[in-house]
Amino acid sequence: MGKMDIGNRKDVSLLVHRFYEKVRKDPEIGGFFNSTIMDWPGHMEKLTDFWETNLLFVQKYKGNPIKVHAELDKKVGHKIENYHFGIWLRHWMETLDAHFEGPNAEKAKQRARNISVRMFMAIFEERKPLANN
């Protein structure tokens, strides 16, 4: 029997939890998360809300992830690079492939690609004034 698609909050929660287990252990990007997120259970709930909203159209997430990541980049001394988003995406794709298959899993891959580009561009735009000083 093949893998199931992402169909409900429980599936989204599994995806988010398995993904962040990988991310937190990653030697190149784990530090960004481990040094700034103090309430992991609360953060996991918020991320589950975000992805449930994005994949299953359940209106739960409230927030501005683009702004949050631009602020995070500032906090870590402008060290977040496109390369780091590549690592993030690789972990996301591997986690999806390990647990799910189907239209929502593919949508989760495409949305993550789009989100990573938008986040990096927001970080880049936030840094522009630095270059003008």
N, C-alpha and C. Protein backbone atom coordinates (compact mmCIF):
# COMPACT_ATOMS: atom_id res chain seq x y z
N MET A 1 0.84 -1.20 0.00
CA MET A 1 0.00 0.00 0.00
C MET A 1 0.88 1.25 0.00
N GLY A 2 0.53 2.21 -0.83
CA GLY A 2 1.31 3.44 -0.95
C GLY A 2 1.04 4.41 0.18
N LYS A 3 1.74 5.49 0.14
CA LYS A 3 1.55 6.54 1.15
C LYS A 3 0.27 7.31 0.87
N MET A 4 -0.28 7.88 1.91
CA MET A 4 -1.49 8.68 1.78
C MET A 4 -1.10 10.14 1.53
N ASP A 5 -2.07 10.90 1.06
CA ASP A 5 -1.87 12.33 0.87
C ASP A 5 -2.13 13.05 2.20
N ILE A 6 -1.78 14.30 2.25
CA ILE A 6 -2.06 15.15 3.41
C ILE A 6 -3.55 15.48 3.37
N GLY A 7 -4.28 15.05 4.40
CA GLY A 7 -5.73 15.22 4.34
C GLY A 7 -6.36 15.95 5.50
N ASN A 8 -5.61 16.12 6.60
CA ASN A 8 -6.21 16.75 7.78
C ASN A 8 -5.12 17.35 8.67
N ARG A 9 -5.53 17.96 9.75
CA ARG A 9 -4.59 18.62 10.66
C ARG A 9 -3.59 17.64 11.24
N LYS A 10 -4.02 16.43 11.54
CA LYS A 10 -3.11 15.43 12.09
C LYS A 10 -1.97 15.16 11.11
N ASP A 11 -2.27 15.05 9.83
CA ASP A 11 -1.24 14.85 8.81
C ASP A 11 -0.29 16.05 8.75
N VAL A 12 -0.87 17.25 8.77
CA VAL A 12 -0.06 18.47 8.71
C VAL A 12 0.86 18.53 9.93
N SER A 13 0.33 18.19 11.08
CA SER A 13 1.12 18.21 12.32
C SER A 13 2.28 17.21 12.23
N LEU A 14 2.02 16.02 11.72
CA LEU A 14 3.09 15.02 11.53
C LEU A 14 4.18 15.59 10.62
N LEU A 15 3.78 16.17 9.51
CA LEU A 15 4.73 16.76 8.57
C LEU A 15 5.57 17.83 9.25
N VAL A 16 4.94 18.75 9.93
CA VAL A 16 5.63 19.86 10.58
C VAL A 16 6.59 19.34 11.65
N HIS A 17 6.13 18.40 12.48
CA HIS A 17 6.98 17.88 13.55
C HIS A 17 8.18 17.11 13.00
N ARG A 18 7.98 16.25 12.01
CA ARG A 18 9.10 15.49 11.44
C ARG A 18 10.09 16.42 10.74
N PHE A 19 9.55 17.41 10.05
CA PHE A 19 10.40 18.37 9.35
C PHE A 19 11.29 19.14 10.33
N TYR A 20 10.69 19.67 11.39
CA TYR A 20 11.49 20.47 12.32
C TYR A 20 12.44 19.62 13.17
N GLU A 21 12.16 18.33 13.31
CA GLU A 21 13.15 17.45 13.94
C GLU A 21 14.43 17.46 13.11
N LYS A 22 14.29 17.40 11.80
CA LYS A 22 15.44 17.44 10.89
C LYS A 22 16.14 18.80 10.92
N VAL A 23 15.33 19.84 10.83
CA VAL A 23 15.87 21.20 10.77
C VAL A 23 16.67 21.54 12.04
N ARG A 24 16.11 21.18 13.18
CA ARG A 24 16.77 21.53 14.45
C ARG A 24 18.12 20.83 14.61
N LYS A 25 18.27 19.67 13.98
CA LYS A 25 19.53 18.92 14.07
C LYS A 25 20.53 19.33 12.98
N ASP A 26 20.08 20.08 12.00
CA ASP A 26 20.94 20.42 10.87
C ASP A 26 22.06 21.37 11.32
N PRO A 27 23.32 21.01 11.05
CA PRO A 27 24.44 21.85 11.51
C PRO A 27 24.50 23.22 10.84
N GLU A 28 23.89 23.37 9.67
CA GLU A 28 23.98 24.65 8.95
C GLU A 28 22.81 25.59 9.21
N ILE A 29 21.64 25.05 9.47
CA ILE A 29 20.49 25.95 9.68
C ILE A 29 19.84 25.78 11.05
N GLY A 30 20.14 24.73 11.77
CA GLY A 30 19.52 24.49 13.06
C GLY A 30 19.69 25.63 14.04
N GLY A 31 20.86 26.25 14.01
CA GLY A 31 21.15 27.35 14.93
C GLY A 31 20.21 28.53 14.79
N PHE A 32 19.79 28.83 13.56
CA PHE A 32 18.85 29.94 13.35
C PHE A 32 17.57 29.72 14.15
N PHE A 33 17.12 28.47 14.16
CA PHE A 33 15.86 28.12 14.84
C PHE A 33 16.07 27.93 16.33
N ASN A 34 17.08 27.15 16.69
CA ASN A 34 17.29 26.80 18.09
C ASN A 34 17.67 28.01 18.95
N SER A 35 18.30 29.01 18.34
CA SER A 35 18.73 30.18 19.13
C SER A 35 17.64 31.23 19.26
N THR A 36 16.59 31.14 18.45
CA THR A 36 15.58 32.20 18.46
C THR A 36 14.19 31.74 18.90
N ILE A 37 13.89 30.46 18.78
CA ILE A 37 12.56 29.97 19.16
C ILE A 37 12.65 29.43 20.58
N MET A 38 11.94 30.08 21.47
CA MET A 38 11.98 29.68 22.88
C MET A 38 10.82 28.76 23.24
N ASP A 39 9.70 28.92 22.57
CA ASP A 39 8.50 28.12 22.86
C ASP A 39 8.23 27.18 21.68
N TRP A 40 8.93 26.05 21.67
CA TRP A 40 8.77 25.12 20.55
C TRP A 40 7.35 24.57 20.43
N PRO A 41 6.70 24.14 21.53
CA PRO A 41 5.32 23.64 21.36
C PRO A 41 4.39 24.68 20.73
N GLY A 42 4.50 25.93 21.20
CA GLY A 42 3.68 27.00 20.63
C GLY A 42 4.03 27.27 19.18
N HIS A 43 5.32 27.22 18.87
CA HIS A 43 5.77 27.45 17.50
C HIS A 43 5.25 26.34 16.57
N MET A 44 5.28 25.12 17.05
CA MET A 44 4.80 23.99 16.23
C MET A 44 3.30 24.13 15.94
N GLU A 45 2.55 24.60 16.93
CA GLU A 45 1.11 24.83 16.71
C GLU A 45 0.90 25.91 15.66
N LYS A 46 1.68 26.99 15.76
CA LYS A 46 1.56 28.09 14.79
C LYS A 46 1.93 27.62 13.38
N LEU A 47 2.99 26.81 13.27
CA LEU A 47 3.39 26.29 11.96
C LEU A 47 2.37 25.31 11.40
N THR A 48 1.77 24.52 12.28
CA THR A 48 0.71 23.62 11.84
C THR A 48 -0.47 24.44 11.35
N ASP A 49 -0.82 25.50 12.05
CA ASP A 49 -1.89 26.40 11.58
C ASP A 49 -1.54 26.97 10.21
N PHE A 50 -0.28 27.42 10.05
CA PHE A 50 0.15 28.01 8.78
C PHE A 50 -0.02 27.03 7.62
N TRP A 51 0.49 25.82 7.79
CA TRP A 51 0.44 24.85 6.70
C TRP A 51 -0.97 24.29 6.51
N GLU A 52 -1.74 24.18 7.57
CA GLU A 52 -3.13 23.74 7.42
C GLU A 52 -3.91 24.78 6.61
N THR A 53 -3.67 26.05 6.89
CA THR A 53 -4.29 27.12 6.13
C THR A 53 -3.86 27.07 4.66
N ASN A 54 -2.57 26.86 4.43
CA ASN A 54 -2.02 26.85 3.07
C ASN A 54 -2.45 25.65 2.25
N LEU A 55 -2.58 24.49 2.87
CA LEU A 55 -2.85 23.26 2.13
C LEU A 55 -4.31 22.84 2.14
N LEU A 56 -4.99 23.09 3.25
CA LEU A 56 -6.36 22.58 3.39
C LEU A 56 -7.39 23.69 3.47
N PHE A 57 -6.95 24.94 3.33
CA PHE A 57 -7.84 26.11 3.31
C PHE A 57 -8.68 26.23 4.58
N VAL A 58 -8.08 25.85 5.70
CA VAL A 58 -8.71 26.03 7.01
C VAL A 58 -8.14 27.34 7.56
N GLN A 59 -8.98 28.31 7.78
CA GLN A 59 -8.48 29.64 8.17
C GLN A 59 -8.11 29.68 9.65
N LYS A 60 -6.88 29.29 9.94
CA LYS A 60 -6.41 29.31 11.32
C LYS A 60 -5.23 30.24 11.51
N TYR A 61 -4.34 30.31 10.52
CA TYR A 61 -3.10 31.05 10.72
C TYR A 61 -3.31 32.54 10.65
N LYS A 62 -2.72 33.22 11.63
CA LYS A 62 -2.70 34.69 11.61
C LYS A 62 -1.26 35.10 11.89
N GLY A 63 -0.71 35.87 11.01
CA GLY A 63 0.66 36.31 11.19
C GLY A 63 1.27 36.73 9.87
N ASN A 64 2.51 37.18 9.94
CA ASN A 64 3.22 37.64 8.76
C ASN A 64 4.59 36.96 8.74
N PRO A 65 4.68 35.76 8.14
CA PRO A 65 5.95 35.03 8.17
C PRO A 65 7.06 35.74 7.41
N ILE A 66 6.72 36.51 6.40
CA ILE A 66 7.74 37.22 5.62
C ILE A 66 8.44 38.24 6.53
N LYS A 67 7.64 39.03 7.24
CA LYS A 67 8.19 40.04 8.15
C LYS A 67 9.00 39.38 9.27
N VAL A 68 8.49 38.29 9.82
CA VAL A 68 9.18 37.58 10.91
C VAL A 68 10.56 37.11 10.48
N HIS A 69 10.66 36.59 9.26
CA HIS A 69 11.95 36.09 8.79
C HIS A 69 12.93 37.21 8.47
N ALA A 70 12.42 38.34 7.99
CA ALA A 70 13.29 39.50 7.76
C ALA A 70 13.84 40.00 9.10
N GLU A 71 12.99 39.99 10.13
CA GLU A 71 13.45 40.40 11.47
C GLU A 71 14.46 39.40 12.03
N LEU A 72 14.22 38.12 11.77
CA LEU A 72 15.15 37.08 12.22
C LEU A 72 16.53 37.29 11.59
N ASP A 73 16.54 37.59 10.29
CA ASP A 73 17.81 37.84 9.60
C ASP A 73 18.58 38.97 10.27
N LYS A 74 17.87 40.01 10.64
CA LYS A 74 18.50 41.15 11.32
C LYS A 74 19.08 40.70 12.67
N LYS A 75 18.31 39.90 13.41
CA LYS A 75 18.74 39.39 14.72
C LYS A 75 20.01 38.56 14.64
N VAL A 76 20.16 37.80 13.56
CA VAL A 76 21.33 36.90 13.43
C VAL A 76 22.45 37.55 12.63
N GLY A 77 22.42 38.87 12.52
CA GLY A 77 23.51 39.58 11.87
C GLY A 77 23.54 39.45 10.36
N HIS A 78 22.35 39.36 9.76
CA HIS A 78 22.22 39.27 8.29
C HIS A 78 23.02 38.10 7.71
N LYS A 79 22.90 36.96 8.35
CA LYS A 79 23.65 35.77 7.92
C LYS A 79 22.81 34.78 7.12
N ILE A 80 21.51 35.01 6.99
CA ILE A 80 20.66 34.07 6.26
C ILE A 80 20.85 34.30 4.76
N GLU A 81 21.20 33.24 4.07
CA GLU A 81 21.46 33.32 2.62
C GLU A 81 20.52 32.38 1.87
N ASN A 82 20.44 32.55 0.58
CA ASN A 82 19.63 31.69 -0.27
C ASN A 82 20.02 30.22 -0.07
N TYR A 83 21.29 29.98 0.13
CA TYR A 83 21.82 28.64 0.40
C TYR A 83 21.08 27.98 1.57
N HIS A 84 20.80 28.74 2.62
CA HIS A 84 20.11 28.20 3.79
C HIS A 84 18.67 27.81 3.45
N PHE A 85 18.04 28.59 2.58
CA PHE A 85 16.70 28.23 2.14
C PHE A 85 16.73 26.95 1.32
N GLY A 86 17.81 26.72 0.59
CA GLY A 86 17.98 25.47 -0.15
C GLY A 86 18.02 24.27 0.78
N ILE A 87 18.73 24.40 1.87
CA ILE A 87 18.79 23.32 2.87
C ILE A 87 17.41 23.10 3.47
N TRP A 88 16.74 24.20 3.81
CA TRP A 88 15.38 24.14 4.36
C TRP A 88 14.45 23.39 3.40
N LEU A 89 14.53 23.75 2.12
CA LEU A 89 13.68 23.10 1.11
C LEU A 89 14.01 21.62 0.96
N ARG A 90 15.29 21.28 0.99
CA ARG A 90 15.67 19.87 0.86
C ARG A 90 15.06 19.06 1.99
N HIS A 91 15.13 19.57 3.22
CA HIS A 91 14.53 18.86 4.35
C HIS A 91 13.01 18.74 4.19
N TRP A 92 12.39 19.80 3.70
CA TRP A 92 10.93 19.80 3.49
C TRP A 92 10.55 18.72 2.46
N MET A 93 11.25 18.71 1.33
CA MET A 93 10.95 17.73 0.28
C MET A 93 11.17 16.29 0.77
N GLU A 94 12.28 16.07 1.46
CA GLU A 94 12.58 14.73 1.97
C GLU A 94 11.51 14.28 2.97
N THR A 95 11.07 15.19 3.83
CA THR A 95 10.06 14.84 4.82
C THR A 95 8.73 14.52 4.13
N LEU A 96 8.35 15.33 3.16
CA LEU A 96 7.13 15.05 2.41
C LEU A 96 7.22 13.69 1.72
N ASP A 97 8.33 13.44 1.02
CA ASP A 97 8.48 12.19 0.28
C ASP A 97 8.48 10.97 1.19
N ALA A 98 8.98 11.12 2.41
CA ALA A 98 9.05 10.00 3.35
C ALA A 98 7.67 9.63 3.90
N HIS A 99 6.75 10.60 3.95
CA HIS A 99 5.49 10.36 4.64
C HIS A 99 4.23 10.46 3.78
N PHE A 100 4.29 11.19 2.67
CA PHE A 100 3.07 11.47 1.92
C PHE A 100 3.30 11.40 0.42
N GLU A 101 2.19 11.22 -0.31
CA GLU A 101 2.19 11.41 -1.76
C GLU A 101 0.77 11.76 -2.19
N GLY A 102 0.69 12.59 -3.22
CA GLY A 102 -0.62 12.99 -3.72
C GLY A 102 -0.65 14.47 -4.02
N PRO A 103 -1.79 14.97 -4.45
CA PRO A 103 -1.91 16.38 -4.85
C PRO A 103 -1.54 17.38 -3.74
N ASN A 104 -1.97 17.14 -2.51
CA ASN A 104 -1.63 18.09 -1.44
C ASN A 104 -0.15 18.04 -1.10
N ALA A 105 0.47 16.87 -1.18
CA ALA A 105 1.92 16.77 -0.95
C ALA A 105 2.66 17.56 -2.02
N GLU A 106 2.20 17.45 -3.26
CA GLU A 106 2.83 18.22 -4.35
C GLU A 106 2.59 19.71 -4.16
N LYS A 107 1.38 20.07 -3.71
CA LYS A 107 1.07 21.47 -3.43
C LYS A 107 1.99 21.99 -2.32
N ALA A 108 2.25 21.17 -1.31
CA ALA A 108 3.13 21.57 -0.20
C ALA A 108 4.54 21.83 -0.71
N LYS A 109 5.00 21.06 -1.68
CA LYS A 109 6.33 21.29 -2.27
C LYS A 109 6.36 22.61 -3.02
N GLN A 110 5.34 22.84 -3.85
CA GLN A 110 5.30 24.07 -4.65
C GLN A 110 5.15 25.30 -3.77
N ARG A 111 4.29 25.22 -2.78
CA ARG A 111 4.10 26.36 -1.87
C ARG A 111 5.40 26.68 -1.13
N ALA A 112 6.10 25.64 -0.68
CA ALA A 112 7.37 25.86 0.04
C ALA A 112 8.39 26.53 -0.87
N ARG A 113 8.46 26.11 -2.14
CA ARG A 113 9.38 26.76 -3.09
C ARG A 113 9.04 28.24 -3.20
N ASN A 114 7.76 28.53 -3.40
CA ASN A 114 7.32 29.92 -3.56
C ASN A 114 7.59 30.74 -2.30
N ILE A 115 7.28 30.16 -1.16
CA ILE A 115 7.47 30.86 0.11
C ILE A 115 8.95 31.15 0.34
N SER A 116 9.80 30.17 0.06
CA SER A 116 11.23 30.38 0.31
C SER A 116 11.78 31.51 -0.55
N VAL A 117 11.34 31.61 -1.79
CA VAL A 117 11.79 32.70 -2.67
C VAL A 117 11.27 34.04 -2.14
N ARG A 118 10.00 34.08 -1.75
CA ARG A 118 9.44 35.34 -1.24
C ARG A 118 10.14 35.77 0.05
N MET A 119 10.44 34.80 0.92
CA MET A 119 11.11 35.14 2.17
C MET A 119 12.52 35.66 1.91
N PHE A 120 13.24 34.98 1.04
CA PHE A 120 14.60 35.45 0.77
C PHE A 120 14.58 36.83 0.12
N MET A 121 13.65 37.06 -0.79
CA MET A 121 13.56 38.38 -1.43
C MET A 121 13.21 39.46 -0.41
N ALA A 122 12.36 39.14 0.57
CA ALA A 122 12.02 40.11 1.62
C ALA A 122 13.26 40.43 2.46
N ILE A 123 14.04 39.40 2.77
CA ILE A 123 15.29 39.61 3.51
C ILE A 123 16.23 40.49 2.70
N PHE A 124 16.37 40.19 1.43
CA PHE A 124 17.23 40.96 0.53
C PHE A 124 16.79 42.43 0.49
N GLU A 125 15.48 42.64 0.36
CA GLU A 125 14.94 44.01 0.30
C GLU A 125 15.18 44.75 1.62
N GLU A 126 15.04 44.06 2.74
CA GLU A 126 15.29 44.67 4.05
C GLU A 126 16.74 45.10 4.20
N ARG A 127 17.64 44.39 3.55
CA ARG A 127 19.06 44.69 3.66
C ARG A 127 19.48 45.86 2.76
N LYS A 128 18.71 46.19 1.76
CA LYS A 128 19.09 47.24 0.81
C LYS A 128 19.55 48.52 1.47
N PRO A 129 18.83 49.03 2.48
CA PRO A 129 19.31 50.28 3.11
C PRO A 129 20.71 50.13 3.69
N LEU A 130 21.09 48.95 4.10
CA LEU A 130 22.44 48.72 4.64
C LEU A 130 23.49 49.04 3.59
N ALA A 131 23.20 48.68 2.34
CA ALA A 131 24.16 48.89 1.26
C ALA A 131 24.32 50.37 0.92
N ASN A 132 23.30 51.17 1.22
CA ASN A 132 23.33 52.60 0.88
C ASN A 132 24.02 53.45 1.93
N ASN A 133 24.36 52.89 3.06
CA ASN A 133 25.01 53.68 4.14
C ASN A 133 26.49 53.85 3.86
